C-alpha atoms as a PDB file:
ATOM      1  CA  GLN A   1       0.177   0.063  -0.100  1.00  0.00           C
ATOM      2  CA  VAL A   2       1.442   3.299  -1.077  1.00  0.00           C
ATOM      3  CA  ARG A   3       1.463   5.908   1.609  1.00  0.00           C
ATOM      4  CA  LEU A   4       2.093   9.711   1.461  1.00  0.00           C
ATOM      5  CA  VAL A   5       4.143  11.097   4.384  1.00  0.00           C
ATOM      6  CA  GLU A   6       3.993  14.816   5.024  1.00  0.00           C
ATOM      7  CA  SER A   7       6.181  16.998   7.032  1.00  0.00           C
ATOM      8  CA  GLY A   8       6.811  20.741   7.690  1.00  0.00           C
ATOM      9  CA  GLY A   9       3.686  21.963   9.434  1.00  0.00           C
ATOM     10  CA  GLY A  10       3.701  23.836  12.548  1.00  0.00           C
ATOM     11  CA  LEU A  11       2.935  27.240  14.403  1.00  0.00           C
ATOM     12  CA  VAL A  12       4.073  30.455  12.755  1.00  0.00           C
ATOM     13  CA  GLN A  13       3.299  34.205  13.173  1.00  0.00           C
ATOM     14  CA  ALA A  14       1.528  36.067  10.597  1.00  0.00           C
ATOM     15  CA  GLY A  15       3.735  37.142   7.843  1.00  0.00           C
ATOM     16  CA  GLY A  16       6.086  34.101   8.319  1.00  0.00           C
ATOM     17  CA  SER A  17       6.866  31.292   6.035  1.00  0.00           C
ATOM     18  CA  LEU A  18       6.588  27.458   6.145  1.00  0.00           C
ATOM     19  CA  THR A  19       7.406  24.691   3.645  1.00  0.00           C
ATOM     20  CA  LEU A  20       5.416  21.593   3.593  1.00  0.00           C
ATOM     21  CA  SER A  21       6.951  18.357   2.005  1.00  0.00           C
ATOM     22  CA  CYS A  22       5.117  15.159   1.005  1.00  0.00           C
ATOM     23  CA  ALA A  23       6.900  12.095  -0.080  1.00  0.00           C
ATOM     24  CA  ALA A  24       5.415   8.858  -1.478  1.00  0.00           C
ATOM     25  CA  SER A  25       6.597   5.592   0.300  1.00  0.00           C
ATOM     26  CA  GLU A  26       7.341   4.104  -3.205  1.00  0.00           C
ATOM     27  CA  TYR A  27       7.528   4.974  -6.792  1.00  0.00           C
ATOM     28  CA  ILE A  28       4.351   5.865  -8.423  1.00  0.00           C
ATOM     29  CA  PHE A  29       4.059   5.307 -12.174  1.00  0.00           C
ATOM     30  CA  GLY A  30       1.913   7.832 -14.335  1.00  0.00           C
ATOM     31  CA  ILE A  31       1.448  10.575 -11.971  1.00  0.00           C
ATOM     32  CA  TYR A  32      -0.639  13.426 -13.497  1.00  0.00           C
ATOM     33  CA  ALA A  33      -1.208  15.659 -10.634  1.00  0.00           C
ATOM     34  CA  MET A  34       0.577  16.566  -7.394  1.00  0.00           C
ATOM     35  CA  GLY A  35      -0.635  19.118  -4.915  1.00  0.00           C
ATOM     36  CA  TRP A  36      -2.094  20.303  -1.640  1.00  0.00           C
ATOM     37  CA  HIS A  37      -5.585  20.842  -0.133  1.00  0.00           C
ATOM     38  CA  ARG A  38      -6.515  22.187   3.237  1.00  0.00           C
ATOM     39  CA  GLN A  39      -9.387  21.985   5.562  1.00  0.00           C
ATOM     40  CA  ALA A  40     -10.063  24.665   8.259  1.00  0.00           C
ATOM     41  CA  PRO A  41     -12.480  23.818  11.344  1.00  0.00           C
ATOM     42  CA  GLY A  42     -16.058  24.007  10.184  1.00  0.00           C
ATOM     43  CA  LYS A  43     -15.181  24.338   6.477  1.00  0.00           C
ATOM     44  CA  GLN A  44     -14.999  22.036   3.539  1.00  0.00           C
ATOM     45  CA  ARG A  45     -11.636  20.693   2.162  1.00  0.00           C
ATOM     46  CA  GLU A  46     -10.383  23.085  -0.680  1.00  0.00           C
ATOM     47  CA  LEU A  47      -7.675  23.132  -3.174  1.00  0.00           C
ATOM     48  CA  VAL A  48      -4.723  25.210  -2.240  1.00  0.00           C
ATOM     49  CA  ALA A  49      -2.303  24.389  -5.106  1.00  0.00           C
ATOM     50  CA  GLU A  50      -1.558  21.883  -7.765  1.00  0.00           C
ATOM     51  CA  SER A  51       1.030  20.872 -10.380  1.00  0.00           C
ATOM     52  CA  THR A  52      -0.245  18.963 -13.335  1.00  0.00           C
ATOM     53  CA  THR A  53       1.453  17.180 -16.167  1.00  0.00           C
ATOM     54  CA  GLY A  54       3.192  19.561 -18.529  1.00  0.00           C
ATOM     55  CA  GLY A  55       4.068  21.918 -15.798  1.00  0.00           C
ATOM     56  CA  ASN A  56       0.852  23.441 -15.387  1.00  0.00           C
ATOM     57  CA  THR A  57      -0.052  24.922 -11.813  1.00  0.00           C
ATOM     58  CA  ASN A  58      -3.395  25.833 -10.276  1.00  0.00           C
ATOM     59  CA  TYR A  59      -3.675  28.122  -7.231  1.00  0.00           C
ATOM     60  CA  ALA A  60      -6.503  29.139  -4.945  1.00  0.00           C
ATOM     61  CA  ASP A  61      -7.167  32.844  -5.469  1.00  0.00           C
ATOM     62  CA  SER A  62      -6.343  33.356  -1.744  1.00  0.00           C
ATOM     63  CA  VAL A  63      -2.849  32.099  -2.176  1.00  0.00           C
ATOM     64  CA  LYS A  64      -1.741  33.373  -5.444  1.00  0.00           C
ATOM     65  CA  GLY A  65       1.556  35.119  -5.373  1.00  0.00           C
ATOM     66  CA  ARG A  66       2.372  33.914  -1.851  1.00  0.00           C
ATOM     67  CA  PHE A  67       2.402  30.218  -2.160  1.00  0.00           C
ATOM     68  CA  THR A  68       4.288  28.096  -4.613  1.00  0.00           C
ATOM     69  CA  VAL A  69       3.854  24.352  -5.322  1.00  0.00           C
ATOM     70  CA  SER A  70       6.862  22.352  -6.667  1.00  0.00           C
ATOM     71  CA  ARG A  71       7.461  18.746  -7.349  1.00  0.00           C
ATOM     72  CA  ASP A  72      10.320  16.123  -7.884  1.00  0.00           C
ATOM     73  CA  ILE A  73       8.955  13.476 -10.030  1.00  0.00           C
ATOM     74  CA  ALA A  74      11.839  11.267  -9.744  1.00  0.00           C
ATOM     75  CA  GLN A  75      11.483  11.394  -5.886  1.00  0.00           C
ATOM     76  CA  ASN A  76       7.723  11.339  -5.910  1.00  0.00           C
ATOM     77  CA  THR A  77       7.804  14.323  -3.679  1.00  0.00           C
ATOM     78  CA  VAL A  78       5.595  17.474  -3.723  1.00  0.00           C
ATOM     79  CA  TYR A  79       6.333  20.840  -1.795  1.00  0.00           C
ATOM     80  CA  LEU A  80       4.372  23.734  -0.787  1.00  0.00           C
ATOM     81  CA  GLN A  81       6.333  26.958  -0.088  1.00  0.00           C
ATOM     82  CA  MET A  82       4.018  29.374   1.920  1.00  0.00           C
ATOM     83  CA  ASN A  83       5.049  32.809   2.301  1.00  0.00           C
ATOM     84  CA  SER A  84       3.403  35.899   3.929  1.00  0.00           C
ATOM     85  CA  LEU A  85       1.032  33.640   5.957  1.00  0.00           C
ATOM     86  CA  LYS A  86      -2.181  34.904   7.286  1.00  0.00           C
ATOM     87  CA  PRO A  87      -4.144  33.719  10.185  1.00  0.00           C
ATOM     88  CA  GLU A  88      -6.994  32.547   7.809  1.00  0.00           C
ATOM     89  CA  ALA A  89      -4.330  30.046   6.370  1.00  0.00           C
ATOM     90  CA  THR A  90      -4.752  28.040   9.643  1.00  0.00           C
ATOM     91  CA  ALA A  91      -5.858  24.519   8.679  1.00  0.00           C
ATOM     92  CA  VAL A  92      -4.976  20.890   8.226  1.00  0.00           C
ATOM     93  CA  TYR A  93      -3.050  20.568   5.009  1.00  0.00           C
ATOM     94  CA  TYR A  94      -3.173  17.441   2.991  1.00  0.00           C
ATOM     95  CA  CYS A  95      -1.026  16.417   0.001  1.00  0.00           C
ATOM     96  CA  ASN A  96      -2.740  14.535  -2.933  1.00  0.00           C
ATOM     97  CA  ILE A  97      -1.182  12.654  -5.647  1.00  0.00           C
ATOM     98  CA  ARG A  98      -3.173  11.230  -8.576  1.00  0.00           C
ATOM     99  CA  SER A  99      -2.050   8.855 -11.020  1.00  0.00           C
ATOM    100  CA  GLN A 100      -3.372   6.337 -13.564  1.00  0.00           C
ATOM    101  CA  ARG A 101      -3.913   3.966 -10.712  1.00  0.00           C
ATOM    102  CA  TYR A 102      -4.114   5.899  -7.497  1.00  0.00           C
ATOM    103  CA  ASN A 103      -5.716   8.851  -5.834  1.00  0.00           C
ATOM    104  CA  LEU A 104      -3.669   9.209  -2.659  1.00  0.00           C
ATOM    105  CA  TRP A 105      -4.043  11.463   0.486  1.00  0.00           C
ATOM    106  CA  GLY A 106      -1.544  12.123   3.074  1.00  0.00           C
ATOM    107  CA  GLN A 107      -2.537  12.021   6.757  1.00  0.00           C
ATOM    108  CA  GLY A 108      -2.524  15.898   6.979  1.00  0.00           C
ATOM    109  CA  THR A 109      -0.319  18.272   8.649  1.00  0.00           C
ATOM    110  CA  GLN A 110      -1.439  21.154  10.949  1.00  0.00           C
ATOM    111  CA  VAL A 111      -0.513  24.676  10.041  1.00  0.00           C
ATOM    112  CA  THR A 112      -1.449  27.258  12.600  1.00  0.00           C
ATOM    113  CA  VAL A 113      -0.810  31.003  11.730  1.00  0.00           C
ATOM    114  CA  SER A 114      -0.982  33.313  14.933  1.00  0.00           C
ATOM    115  CA  SER A 115      -2.116  36.902  14.649  1.00  0.00           C
END
């Protein structure tokens, strides 16, 4: 069973930065999308940022210009660099990898931004 292992969450002050990482436990063939979603208390899970085949990226409007998603296909790893963090970014962040065979989710990592 392929697992996604996330790291990098934590507590940061508003205006600070964090980098999230997510690595697959084994090589995944045929990946077409790697990215991050988040779920704040009382809210639905939402897309934060995603990188798709061909180098296309999609960002939530609320994070454009501040967050950057990147990936290392060879290492099956996806990153989320978060700058100028705001308190409303507080949520559990989940990485997601989609391939021809899988739609995988990480266990979630807590990001808390204090005002």
